[in-house]
Amino acid sequence: MTWSTSLVFLLFWASPLVYSWNPFSSNKRSGIDGNQQVEGGSPLRRDTTGYNFDPNGTAFVWLPEDTYAGSTFFDGFTFFTDHDPTDGMVTFVDQATAQQKGYISTQPDGTVIMKADDTNTLDLGTFRESVRIQSNKQYTTGLFILDLNRAPWGCAIWPAFWTVGDNWPANGEIDILEGVHDNEHNQITWHTAPGCMLNSNATFSGTIAVISDGNHTNCDASLDGNAGCAVIDWSRASYGPFFESQGGGVLAMKWDENDISVCE
C-alpha cells in the first residue's frame, strides 16, 4: 500500500521550520556500498557512518528535497478554515485574517511564528481563533524534520505537527508532535484503516499508551474513539514546560521501506 500524505501544523507558537526529504525521488542516492579509500593507498574499508539501508541491504543517504523556512514559509501551505474535525472550541482563520491579527509572522532572523488568539477574553461558549495549515505538496515517504523553538502547553491547549492522507484513515495519519491539555510529554500516534498494528516487541524508547481495555497497539481509527496506536515519550524535553525552558528542540519522522520512526 502506498500512502500520499501532507504535512499539517496546528496552533504552533514560535518557530516551526520544516525540512522534508523524499527517499523515492532522485534525491535518494542509492547503490552506495560504503567503501572508502584510506589515506596512503591502504586497502578499501567499509565505513557505513551516516548511511541508511533498504531491506535488500542497499545503502543510501538522504538528500534535501524541500525546505519550508523564513519569509517564504507560508507559500507552501494552505490555511484550513473548515469546522474543526475533532469538534474543538476553535475557529480556524484564513491567511489574510491571521496576518491582520498577528497570528502569523516572520521575524528578521527568519523565525516563523504561528499562534492562536492569546489576548482576548471570550464569553463562555465562544470559540477562540487559531491557525491550522496544510502543505500543498504531498509525499509518499520521506524524512521530515521540524526545528521548533516553542510549542504551547497548558489547559485546553492542543498543538500538533502531523502527516495525513486525503483519504482518511485509509491513507493514514502520523502524529509526530501532539500535546493535549495539561500533558507535559509528547505522544506519537498512528491512525489507520483496519489491519495495522503497533509491534510491541519493537525496540523504542517511551511506553505504549494504555486505554481502558489494554495497550494502545491497534491503529484502527474506527476503534476506541479513534485512539489509534500510540507511544508516550516520557522525556521532559519532548514537550511542555521543560521543552520550552530549554529553547525547544528538533523532531524527526522517517518513513521508508523499513519502518516509520520518530525521533526527538
C-alpha atoms as a PDB file:
ATOM      1  CA  MET A   1       0.000   0.000   0.000  1.00  0.00           C
ATOM      2  CA  THR A   2       1.298   3.475  -0.878  1.00  0.00           C
ATOM      3  CA  TRP A   3       0.221   6.458   1.155  1.00  0.00           C
ATOM      4  CA  SER A   4       0.252  10.008  -0.137  1.00  0.00           C
ATOM      5  CA  THR A   5       0.316  12.471   2.721  1.00  0.00           C
ATOM      6  CA  SER A   6       0.517  16.185   3.537  1.00  0.00           C
ATOM      7  CA  LEU A   7       2.282  17.994   6.378  1.00  0.00           C
ATOM      8  CA  VAL A   8      -0.048  19.728   8.819  1.00  0.00           C
ATOM      9  CA  PHE A   9       0.615  22.304  11.551  1.00  0.00           C
ATOM     10  CA  LEU A  10      -1.923  23.221  14.211  1.00  0.00           C
ATOM     11  CA  LEU A  11      -1.529  26.116  16.681  1.00  0.00           C
ATOM     12  CA  PHE A  12       2.243  26.422  16.930  1.00  0.00           C
ATOM     13  CA  TRP A  13       3.956  29.271  18.714  1.00  0.00           C
ATOM     14  CA  ALA A  14       7.467  30.473  17.825  1.00  0.00           C
ATOM     15  CA  SER A  15       9.422  28.893  15.022  1.00  0.00           C
ATOM     16  CA  PRO A  16       8.323  25.807  13.150  1.00  0.00           C
ATOM     17  CA  LEU A  17      10.825  25.105  10.372  1.00  0.00           C
ATOM     18  CA  VAL A  18      10.382  22.030   8.228  1.00  0.00           C
ATOM     19  CA  TYR A  19      12.930  20.269   6.106  1.00  0.00           C
ATOM     20  CA  SER A  20      11.485  17.451   4.025  1.00  0.00           C
ATOM     21  CA  TRP A  21      13.201  14.663   2.170  1.00  0.00           C
ATOM     22  CA  ASN A  22      11.649  12.107  -0.166  1.00  0.00           C
ATOM     23  CA  PRO A  23      13.635   8.858  -0.335  1.00  0.00           C
ATOM     24  CA  PHE A  24      11.886   7.677  -3.514  1.00  0.00           C
ATOM     25  CA  SER A  25      12.817  10.749  -5.527  1.00  0.00           C
ATOM     26  CA  SER A  26      16.042  11.370  -7.389  1.00  0.00           C
ATOM     27  CA  ASN A  27      17.342  12.804  -4.148  1.00  0.00           C
ATOM     28  CA  LYS A  28      17.651   9.350  -2.651  1.00  0.00           C
ATOM     29  CA  ARG A  29      21.155   8.333  -3.644  1.00  0.00           C
ATOM     30  CA  SER A  30      21.129   4.520  -3.693  1.00  0.00           C
ATOM     31  CA  GLY A  31      23.766   1.944  -4.502  1.00  0.00           C
ATOM     32  CA  ILE A  32      26.344   3.258  -2.038  1.00  0.00           C
ATOM     33  CA  ASP A  33      28.491   0.378  -0.827  1.00  0.00           C
ATOM     34  CA  GLY A  34      30.235   2.217   1.987  1.00  0.00           C
ATOM     35  CA  ASN A  35      33.729   1.517   0.651  1.00  0.00           C
ATOM     36  CA  GLN A  36      36.206   4.370   1.002  1.00  0.00           C
ATOM     37  CA  GLN A  37      39.880   4.690   0.053  1.00  0.00           C
ATOM     38  CA  VAL A  38      42.047   5.050   3.137  1.00  0.00           C
ATOM     39  CA  GLU A  39      44.745   7.721   3.034  1.00  0.00           C
ATOM     40  CA  GLY A  40      48.080   6.441   1.788  1.00  0.00           C
ATOM     41  CA  GLY A  41      46.694   3.846  -0.604  1.00  0.00           C
ATOM     42  CA  SER A  42      45.705   1.278   2.015  1.00  0.00           C
ATOM     43  CA  PRO A  43      43.100  -1.360   1.116  1.00  0.00           C
ATOM     44  CA  LEU A  44      39.483  -0.245   0.882  1.00  0.00           C
ATOM     45  CA  ARG A  45      37.487  -0.374   4.099  1.00  0.00           C
ATOM     46  CA  ARG A  46      33.746  -0.269   4.767  1.00  0.00           C
ATOM     47  CA  ASP A  47      32.525   2.802   6.637  1.00  0.00           C
ATOM     48  CA  THR A  48      28.730   2.996   6.868  1.00  0.00           C
ATOM     49  CA  THR A  49      28.518   6.043   9.127  1.00  0.00           C
ATOM     50  CA  GLY A  50      25.527   8.172   8.150  1.00  0.00           C
ATOM     51  CA  TYR A  51      24.082   5.625   5.718  1.00  0.00           C
ATOM     52  CA  ASN A  52      20.636   4.033   5.742  1.00  0.00           C
ATOM     53  CA  PHE A  53      19.870   0.653   4.206  1.00  0.00           C
ATOM     54  CA  ASP A  54      17.000  -0.658   2.093  1.00  0.00           C
ATOM     55  CA  PRO A  55      15.527  -4.060   3.033  1.00  0.00           C
ATOM     56  CA  ASN A  56      17.766  -5.653   0.368  1.00  0.00           C
ATOM     57  CA  GLY A  57      20.858  -4.236   2.040  1.00  0.00           C
ATOM     58  CA  THR A  58      21.490  -1.414  -0.440  1.00  0.00           C
ATOM     59  CA  ALA A  59      22.870   1.654   1.323  1.00  0.00           C
ATOM     60  CA  PHE A  60      21.539   5.140   0.686  1.00  0.00           C
ATOM     61  CA  VAL A  61      21.800   8.647   2.096  1.00  0.00           C
ATOM     62  CA  TRP A  62      19.113  11.306   2.470  1.00  0.00           C
ATOM     63  CA  LEU A  63      19.422  14.488   0.404  1.00  0.00           C
ATOM     64  CA  PRO A  64      17.272  17.647   0.747  1.00  0.00           C
ATOM     65  CA  GLU A  65      14.209  17.999  -1.438  1.00  0.00           C
ATOM     66  CA  ASP A  66      12.086  20.758   0.126  1.00  0.00           C
ATOM     67  CA  THR A  67      12.719  23.429   2.742  1.00  0.00           C
ATOM     68  CA  TYR A  68       9.945  25.444   4.394  1.00  0.00           C
ATOM     69  CA  ALA A  69      11.554  28.365   6.200  1.00  0.00           C
ATOM     70  CA  GLY A  70      11.808  32.120   6.639  1.00  0.00           C
ATOM     71  CA  SER A  71       9.787  34.654   4.653  1.00  0.00           C
ATOM     72  CA  THR A  72       8.569  32.038   2.133  1.00  0.00           C
ATOM     73  CA  PHE A  73       7.465  29.513   4.765  1.00  0.00           C
ATOM     74  CA  PHE A  74       3.722  30.012   4.263  1.00  0.00           C
ATOM     75  CA  ASP A  75       3.984  29.928   0.448  1.00  0.00           C
ATOM     76  CA  GLY A  76       3.972  26.127   0.587  1.00  0.00           C
ATOM     77  CA  PHE A  77       0.852  25.824   2.747  1.00  0.00           C
ATOM     78  CA  THR A  78      -2.917  26.255   2.542  1.00  0.00           C
ATOM     79  CA  PHE A  79      -4.817  27.670   5.513  1.00  0.00           C
ATOM     80  CA  PHE A  80      -7.517  25.314   6.769  1.00  0.00           C
ATOM     81  CA  THR A  81     -10.753  27.173   7.527  1.00  0.00           C
ATOM     82  CA  ASP A  82     -13.340  24.383   7.853  1.00  0.00           C
ATOM     83  CA  HIS A  83     -15.010  23.260  11.056  1.00  0.00           C
ATOM     84  CA  ASP A  84     -12.573  21.516  13.375  1.00  0.00           C
ATOM     85  CA  PRO A  85     -12.884  17.758  12.600  1.00  0.00           C
ATOM     86  CA  THR A  86     -12.298  16.976  16.292  1.00  0.00           C
ATOM     87  CA  ASP A  87     -15.079  19.378  17.388  1.00  0.00           C
ATOM     88  CA  GLY A  88     -12.765  21.583  19.418  1.00  0.00           C
ATOM     89  CA  MET A  89     -13.868  25.050  20.529  1.00  0.00           C
ATOM     90  CA  VAL A  90     -11.790  26.769  17.856  1.00  0.00           C
ATOM     91  CA  THR A  91     -12.324  28.834  14.707  1.00  0.00           C
ATOM     92  CA  PHE A  92      -9.574  28.413  12.115  1.00  0.00           C
ATOM     93  CA  VAL A  93      -8.940  31.626  10.192  1.00  0.00           C
ATOM     94  CA  ASP A  94      -7.613  32.296   6.685  1.00  0.00           C
ATOM     95  CA  GLN A  95      -4.171  33.690   5.906  1.00  0.00           C
ATOM     96  CA  ALA A  96      -5.282  37.294   5.498  1.00  0.00           C
ATOM     97  CA  THR A  97      -7.042  37.269   8.869  1.00  0.00           C
ATOM     98  CA  ALA A  98      -4.104  35.548  10.537  1.00  0.00           C
ATOM     99  CA  GLN A  99      -1.720  38.199   9.212  1.00  0.00           C
ATOM    100  CA  GLN A 100      -4.014  41.102  10.077  1.00  0.00           C
ATOM    101  CA  LYS A 101      -4.490  39.890  13.664  1.00  0.00           C
ATOM    102  CA  GLY A 102      -0.864  38.927  14.216  1.00  0.00           C
ATOM    103  CA  TYR A 103      -1.389  35.181  14.476  1.00  0.00           C
ATOM    104  CA  ILE A 104       1.353  34.552  11.899  1.00  0.00           C
ATOM    105  CA  SER A 105       4.549  36.458  11.171  1.00  0.00           C
ATOM    106  CA  THR A 106       8.207  36.069  10.261  1.00  0.00           C
ATOM    107  CA  GLN A 107      10.902  37.729  12.339  1.00  0.00           C
ATOM    108  CA  PRO A 108      14.012  39.390  10.841  1.00  0.00           C
ATOM    109  CA  ASP A 109      16.145  36.350  11.754  1.00  0.00           C
ATOM    110  CA  GLY A 110      13.808  34.072   9.762  1.00  0.00           C
ATOM    111  CA  THR A 111      11.936  32.659  12.744  1.00  0.00           C
ATOM    112  CA  VAL A 112       8.360  31.797  11.760  1.00  0.00           C
ATOM    113  CA  ILE A 113       5.582  32.420  14.285  1.00  0.00           C
ATOM    114  CA  MET A 114       2.151  30.778  14.385  1.00  0.00           C
ATOM    115  CA  LYS A 115      -0.158  31.272  17.315  1.00  0.00           C
ATOM    116  CA  ALA A 116      -3.756  31.412  18.443  1.00  0.00           C
ATOM    117  CA  ASP A 117      -5.549  34.474  19.775  1.00  0.00           C
ATOM    118  CA  ASP A 118      -3.901  34.977  23.165  1.00  0.00           C
ATOM    119  CA  THR A 119      -5.165  38.457  24.040  1.00  0.00           C
ATOM    120  CA  ASN A 120      -8.978  38.415  24.048  1.00  0.00           C
ATOM    121  CA  THR A 121     -11.156  37.365  26.972  1.00  0.00           C
ATOM    122  CA  LEU A 122     -14.060  35.424  25.487  1.00  0.00           C
ATOM    123  CA  ASP A 123     -17.582  34.824  26.707  1.00  0.00           C
ATOM    124  CA  LEU A 124     -18.455  31.299  27.803  1.00  0.00           C
ATOM    125  CA  GLY A 125     -19.059  29.125  24.737  1.00  0.00           C
ATOM    126  CA  THR A 126     -17.281  31.465  22.290  1.00  0.00           C
ATOM    127  CA  PHE A 127     -14.729  29.766  20.070  1.00  0.00           C
ATOM    128  CA  ARG A 128     -11.138  31.054  20.059  1.00  0.00           C
ATOM    129  CA  GLU A 129      -9.466  31.911  16.750  1.00  0.00           C
ATOM    130  CA  SER A 130      -6.410  29.914  15.747  1.00  0.00           C
ATOM    131  CA  VAL A 131      -4.363  28.750  12.760  1.00  0.00           C
ATOM    132  CA  ARG A 132      -4.087  25.381  11.015  1.00  0.00           C
ATOM    133  CA  ILE A 133      -2.071  24.960   7.815  1.00  0.00           C
ATOM    134  CA  GLN A 134      -1.521  22.015   5.450  1.00  0.00           C
ATOM    135  CA  SER A 135       1.243  21.575   2.880  1.00  0.00           C
ATOM    136  CA  ASN A 136       0.302  21.972  -0.769  1.00  0.00           C
ATOM    137  CA  LYS A 137       2.713  19.203  -1.700  1.00  0.00           C
ATOM    138  CA  GLN A 138       2.102  15.563  -0.861  1.00  0.00           C
ATOM    139  CA  TYR A 139       4.732  12.951  -0.054  1.00  0.00           C
ATOM    140  CA  THR A 140       4.842   9.174  -0.391  1.00  0.00           C
ATOM    141  CA  THR A 141       7.675   8.607   2.139  1.00  0.00           C
ATOM    142  CA  GLY A 142      10.430  10.827   3.447  1.00  0.00           C
ATOM    143  CA  LEU A 143      12.493  12.192   6.278  1.00  0.00           C
ATOM    144  CA  PHE A 144      10.673  15.149   7.851  1.00  0.00           C
ATOM    145  CA  ILE A 145      12.474  17.414  10.332  1.00  0.00           C
ATOM    146  CA  LEU A 146      10.906  20.109  12.499  1.00  0.00           C
ATOM    147  CA  ASP A 147      13.098  22.684  14.268  1.00  0.00           C
ATOM    148  CA  LEU A 148      10.877  24.220  16.942  1.00  0.00           C
ATOM    149  CA  ASN A 149      11.634  26.950  19.489  1.00  0.00           C
ATOM    150  CA  ARG A 150       8.372  26.756  21.423  1.00  0.00           C
ATOM    151  CA  ALA A 151       5.102  24.839  21.456  1.00  0.00           C
ATOM    152  CA  PRO A 152       2.135  25.982  23.568  1.00  0.00           C
ATOM    153  CA  TRP A 153       1.124  23.836  26.521  1.00  0.00           C
ATOM    154  CA  GLY A 154      -1.430  24.026  29.321  1.00  0.00           C
ATOM    155  CA  CYS A 155      -5.154  23.874  29.939  1.00  0.00           C
ATOM    156  CA  ALA A 156      -7.278  23.436  26.774  1.00  0.00           C
ATOM    157  CA  ILE A 157      -4.184  23.598  24.508  1.00  0.00           C
ATOM    158  CA  TRP A 158      -3.662  21.170  21.613  1.00  0.00           C
ATOM    159  CA  PRO A 159      -0.632  21.883  19.406  1.00  0.00           C
ATOM    160  CA  ALA A 160       0.247  19.300  16.757  1.00  0.00           C
ATOM    161  CA  PHE A 161       2.501  18.520  13.799  1.00  0.00           C
ATOM    162  CA  TRP A 162       1.393  15.541  11.736  1.00  0.00           C
ATOM    163  CA  THR A 163       1.040  13.976   8.302  1.00  0.00           C
ATOM    164  CA  VAL A 164      -2.320  12.928   6.881  1.00  0.00           C
ATOM    165  CA  GLY A 165      -3.573  11.472   3.605  1.00  0.00           C
ATOM    166  CA  ASP A 166      -6.516  12.714   1.533  1.00  0.00           C
ATOM    167  CA  ASN A 167      -8.498   9.530   2.095  1.00  0.00           C
ATOM    168  CA  TRP A 168      -8.524   9.383   5.882  1.00  0.00           C
ATOM    169  CA  PRO A 169      -7.991   6.987   7.569  1.00  0.00           C
ATOM    170  CA  ALA A 170      -7.195   4.628   4.657  1.00  0.00           C
ATOM    171  CA  ASN A 171      -4.179   6.762   3.695  1.00  0.00           C
ATOM    172  CA  GLY A 172      -3.139   7.123   7.287  1.00  0.00           C
ATOM    173  CA  GLU A 173      -2.163   9.762   9.823  1.00  0.00           C
ATOM    174  CA  ILE A 174       1.121  10.037  11.726  1.00  0.00           C
ATOM    175  CA  ASP A 175       1.109  12.385  14.721  1.00  0.00           C
ATOM    176  CA  ILE A 176       4.740  13.436  15.160  1.00  0.00           C
ATOM    177  CA  LEU A 177       4.126  16.014  17.880  1.00  0.00           C
ATOM    178  CA  GLU A 178       0.900  16.218  19.834  1.00  0.00           C
ATOM    179  CA  GLY A 179       0.280  17.875  23.161  1.00  0.00           C
ATOM    180  CA  VAL A 180      -3.154  17.575  24.704  1.00  0.00           C
ATOM    181  CA  HIS A 181      -4.477  19.723  27.565  1.00  0.00           C
ATOM    182  CA  ASP A 182      -2.160  19.560  30.594  1.00  0.00           C
ATOM    183  CA  ASN A 183       0.121  16.851  29.199  1.00  0.00           C
ATOM    184  CA  GLU A 184       3.815  17.610  29.625  1.00  0.00           C
ATOM    185  CA  HIS A 185       5.046  14.803  27.355  1.00  0.00           C
ATOM    186  CA  ASN A 186       4.758  14.187  23.630  1.00  0.00           C
ATOM    187  CA  GLN A 187       2.516  11.398  22.337  1.00  0.00           C
ATOM    188  CA  ILE A 188       3.325   9.837  18.948  1.00  0.00           C
ATOM    189  CA  THR A 189       0.244   8.241  17.390  1.00  0.00           C
ATOM    190  CA  TRP A 190      -0.728   6.385  14.208  1.00  0.00           C
ATOM    191  CA  HIS A 191      -4.311   6.337  12.877  1.00  0.00           C
ATOM    192  CA  THR A 192      -5.060   3.911  10.032  1.00  0.00           C
ATOM    193  CA  ALA A 193      -7.653   1.725   8.359  1.00  0.00           C
ATOM    194  CA  PRO A 194      -8.188  -1.737   9.901  1.00  0.00           C
ATOM    195  CA  GLY A 195      -5.239  -4.106   9.760  1.00  0.00           C
ATOM    196  CA  CYS A 196      -2.316  -2.038  11.102  1.00  0.00           C
ATOM    197  CA  MET A 197      -0.825  -2.909  14.488  1.00  0.00           C
ATOM    198  CA  LEU A 198       1.976  -1.411  16.557  1.00  0.00           C
ATOM    199  CA  ASN A 199       4.642  -4.050  17.213  1.00  0.00           C
ATOM    200  CA  SER A 200       5.001  -4.035  20.983  1.00  0.00           C
ATOM    201  CA  ASN A 201       8.194  -6.111  20.668  1.00  0.00           C
ATOM    202  CA  ALA A 202       9.963  -3.489  18.583  1.00  0.00           C
ATOM    203  CA  THR A 203      12.800  -1.521  20.144  1.00  0.00           C
ATOM    204  CA  PHE A 204      11.795   2.014  21.111  1.00  0.00           C
ATOM    205  CA  SER A 205      12.007   4.461  23.967  1.00  0.00           C
ATOM    206  CA  GLY A 206       8.876   5.558  25.786  1.00  0.00           C
ATOM    207  CA  THR A 207       5.915   3.337  26.557  1.00  0.00           C
ATOM    208  CA  ILE A 208       2.815   2.234  24.681  1.00  0.00           C
ATOM    209  CA  ALA A 209      -0.199   4.284  25.742  1.00  0.00           C
ATOM    210  CA  VAL A 210      -2.845   2.407  27.725  1.00  0.00           C
ATOM    211  CA  ILE A 211      -6.594   2.637  27.186  1.00  0.00           C
ATOM    212  CA  SER A 212      -9.427   1.094  29.174  1.00  0.00           C
ATOM    213  CA  ASP A 213      -9.193  -2.341  27.548  1.00  0.00           C
ATOM    214  CA  GLY A 214      -5.404  -2.610  27.294  1.00  0.00           C
ATOM    215  CA  ASN A 215      -2.413  -1.267  25.406  1.00  0.00           C
ATOM    216  CA  HIS A 216      -2.778   1.174  22.511  1.00  0.00           C
ATOM    217  CA  THR A 217      -1.443  -1.220  19.805  1.00  0.00           C
ATOM    218  CA  ASN A 218      -4.321  -1.354  17.310  1.00  0.00           C
ATOM    219  CA  CYS A 219      -4.015   1.606  14.908  1.00  0.00           C
ATOM    220  CA  ASP A 220      -7.562   1.167  13.511  1.00  0.00           C
ATOM    221  CA  ALA A 221      -9.181   4.620  13.661  1.00  0.00           C
ATOM    222  CA  SER A 222     -12.668   3.097  13.894  1.00  0.00           C
ATOM    223  CA  LEU A 223     -11.932   1.631  17.345  1.00  0.00           C
ATOM    224  CA  ASP A 224     -11.810   3.212  20.795  1.00  0.00           C
ATOM    225  CA  GLY A 225     -12.982   6.615  19.627  1.00  0.00           C
ATOM    226  CA  ASN A 226     -10.145   6.944  17.090  1.00  0.00           C
ATOM    227  CA  ALA A 227      -7.493   6.427  19.759  1.00  0.00           C
ATOM    228  CA  GLY A 228      -5.090   4.852  17.251  1.00  0.00           C
ATOM    229  CA  CYS A 229      -1.858   3.228  18.421  1.00  0.00           C
ATOM    230  CA  ALA A 230       0.411   5.452  20.455  1.00  0.00           C
ATOM    231  CA  VAL A 231       3.745   5.718  22.226  1.00  0.00           C
ATOM    232  CA  ILE A 232       4.299   8.239  25.025  1.00  0.00           C
ATOM    233  CA  ASP A 233       7.737   9.828  25.254  1.00  0.00           C
ATOM    234  CA  TRP A 234       8.301  10.396  28.973  1.00  0.00           C
ATOM    235  CA  SER A 235      11.301  12.662  28.442  1.00  0.00           C
ATOM    236  CA  ARG A 236      10.594  16.104  29.879  1.00  0.00           C
ATOM    237  CA  ALA A 237      12.435  17.500  26.869  1.00  0.00           C
ATOM    238  CA  SER A 238       9.875  16.097  24.401  1.00  0.00           C
ATOM    239  CA  TYR A 239       7.116  18.672  25.044  1.00  0.00           C
ATOM    240  CA  GLY A 240       5.806  21.002  27.708  1.00  0.00           C
ATOM    241  CA  PRO A 241       7.403  23.498  30.124  1.00  0.00           C
ATOM    242  CA  PHE A 242      10.860  21.911  30.128  1.00  0.00           C
ATOM    243  CA  PHE A 243      10.893  21.756  26.325  1.00  0.00           C
ATOM    244  CA  GLU A 244      10.117  25.481  26.281  1.00  0.00           C
ATOM    245  CA  SER A 245      12.621  26.402  29.003  1.00  0.00           C
ATOM    246  CA  GLN A 246      15.490  24.742  27.124  1.00  0.00           C
ATOM    247  CA  GLY A 247      14.681  26.681  23.947  1.00  0.00           C
ATOM    248  CA  GLY A 248      12.749  23.974  22.104  1.00  0.00           C
ATOM    249  CA  GLY A 249      14.217  21.127  20.118  1.00  0.00           C
ATOM    250  CA  VAL A 250      14.235  19.150  16.883  1.00  0.00           C
ATOM    251  CA  LEU A 251      11.807  16.367  15.944  1.00  0.00           C
ATOM    252  CA  ALA A 252      12.188  13.976  13.013  1.00  0.00           C
ATOM    253  CA  MET A 253       9.957  11.377  11.376  1.00  0.00           C
ATOM    254  CA  LYS A 254      11.474   8.808   8.983  1.00  0.00           C
ATOM    255  CA  TRP A 255       9.059   6.938   6.730  1.00  0.00           C
ATOM    256  CA  ASP A 256      10.552   4.482   4.242  1.00  0.00           C
ATOM    257  CA  GLU A 257      10.508   0.837   3.133  1.00  0.00           C
ATOM    258  CA  ASN A 258      11.876  -0.286   6.507  1.00  0.00           C
ATOM    259  CA  ASP A 259       9.605   1.357   9.059  1.00  0.00           C
ATOM    260  CA  ILE A 260       8.141   4.566  10.431  1.00  0.00           C
ATOM    261  CA  SER A 261      10.294   6.089  13.154  1.00  0.00           C
ATOM    262  CA  VAL A 262      10.002   9.273  15.208  1.00  0.00           C
ATOM    263  CA  CYS A 263      13.000  10.789  16.956  1.00  0.00           C
ATOM    264  CA  GLU A 264      13.108  13.756  19.330  1.00  0.00           C
END
